Protein backbone atom coordinates (compact mmCIF):
# COMPACT_ATOMS: atom_id res chain seq x y z
CA MET A 1 -14.65 104.81 -72.25
CA CYS A 2 -12.08 103.25 -74.86
CA LEU A 3 -9.21 104.15 -72.34
CA LEU A 4 -11.13 102.17 -69.52
CA ARG A 5 -11.49 99.20 -72.06
CA ARG A 6 -7.95 98.98 -72.90
CA LEU A 7 -6.88 99.47 -69.48
CA ALA A 8 -9.18 96.46 -68.06
CA CYS A 9 -7.64 94.46 -70.98
CA VAL A 10 -4.11 95.09 -70.10
CA LEU A 11 -4.94 94.64 -66.49
CA THR A 12 -6.49 91.40 -67.09
CA PHE A 13 -3.62 90.26 -69.60
CA GLY A 14 -1.22 91.15 -66.84
CA LEU A 15 -3.12 89.14 -64.23
CA LEU A 16 -3.32 86.14 -66.38
CA LEU A 17 0.21 86.00 -67.15
CA ALA A 18 1.32 86.52 -63.47
CA SER A 19 -1.08 83.72 -62.53
CA CYS A 20 0.22 81.33 -65.21
CA ALA A 21 3.93 81.98 -64.26
CA SER A 22 3.36 81.24 -60.57
CA SER A 23 1.62 77.67 -61.39
CA LYS A 24 3.21 74.41 -61.00
CA PRO A 25 4.91 73.25 -64.52
CA PRO A 26 3.18 69.91 -65.79
CA VAL A 27 4.67 66.66 -64.86
CA THR A 28 6.50 65.38 -68.07
CA ALA A 29 7.90 62.24 -66.48
CA PRO A 30 5.87 58.77 -66.78
CA PRO A 31 4.90 57.42 -63.60
CA PRO A 32 6.89 54.58 -62.09
CA PRO A 33 6.29 51.34 -63.08
CA LEU A 34 4.29 48.98 -60.80
CA PRO A 35 6.28 46.13 -59.11
CA ALA A 36 5.82 42.92 -60.94
CA GLY A 37 4.99 41.09 -57.73
CA LEU A 38 1.79 43.34 -57.21
CA MET A 39 0.54 42.64 -60.54
CA SER A 40 0.27 38.91 -60.44
CA PRO A 41 -3.17 37.52 -59.77
CA CYS A 42 -4.06 35.80 -56.63
CA PRO A 43 -3.74 32.09 -56.62
CA ALA A 44 -6.67 29.80 -57.49
CA PRO A 45 -8.53 28.12 -54.27
CA PRO A 46 -7.24 24.53 -53.65
CA PRO A 47 -9.36 21.65 -54.91
CA VAL A 48 -12.00 20.37 -52.43
CA PRO A 49 -10.42 17.87 -50.01
CA ALA A 50 -11.90 14.19 -49.72
CA ASN A 51 -14.73 13.72 -47.22
CA ASN A 52 -11.88 13.23 -44.26
CA PRO A 53 -11.51 15.63 -41.36
CA ASP A 54 -7.84 15.36 -41.63
CA ALA A 55 -7.91 16.28 -45.34
CA MET A 56 -10.46 19.20 -44.44
CA VAL A 57 -8.22 20.78 -41.95
CA VAL A 58 -5.07 20.67 -44.49
CA GLY A 59 -7.31 22.09 -47.31
CA LEU A 60 -8.50 24.86 -44.98
CA LYS A 61 -4.82 25.64 -44.07
CA ARG A 62 -3.78 25.95 -47.69
CA MET A 63 -6.75 27.99 -48.37
CA TYR A 64 -5.77 30.35 -45.57
CA ASP A 65 -2.10 30.71 -46.97
CA ARG A 66 -3.30 31.45 -50.21
CA TYR A 67 -5.70 34.17 -48.80
CA GLY A 68 -2.65 35.34 -46.87
CA LEU A 69 -0.63 35.73 -49.81
CA CYS A 70 -3.45 37.62 -51.79
CA ALA A 71 -4.34 39.98 -48.69
CA GLY A 72 -0.64 40.83 -48.31
CA ARG A 73 -0.22 41.48 -51.93
CA LEU A 74 -3.36 43.86 -51.99
CA PHE A 75 -2.06 45.64 -48.76
CA GLU A 76 1.35 46.29 -50.47
CA LEU A 77 -0.32 47.51 -53.58
CA GLN A 78 -2.47 49.85 -51.84
CA ARG A 79 0.79 51.11 -49.94
CA TRP A 80 2.69 51.59 -53.02
CA LEU A 81 -0.26 53.44 -54.57
CA MET A 82 -0.54 55.78 -51.44
CA ARG A 83 3.14 56.32 -51.34
CA GLY A 84 3.22 57.70 -54.87
CA ARG A 85 0.19 60.10 -53.88
CA ASP A 86 2.02 61.66 -50.98
CA GLU A 87 5.23 62.35 -52.85
């Protein structure tokens, strides 16, 4: 009985050592820094234009331009994060 218990302990210990030796080593390097352009907040919306159709069109165009900047920055951030995950 004592011999079986020792044998079981030795086999368990040997299997644990073998499994730890074949596992990947932990990552010790810090993650790469986030690019500064992706960390800036989205621009504030432009002020409401006067009650003039031409001013409204110009105001909407400015709003769409700012939305495009923010959406592009968010897309680049997501792509940067996914690229780091794939490596």
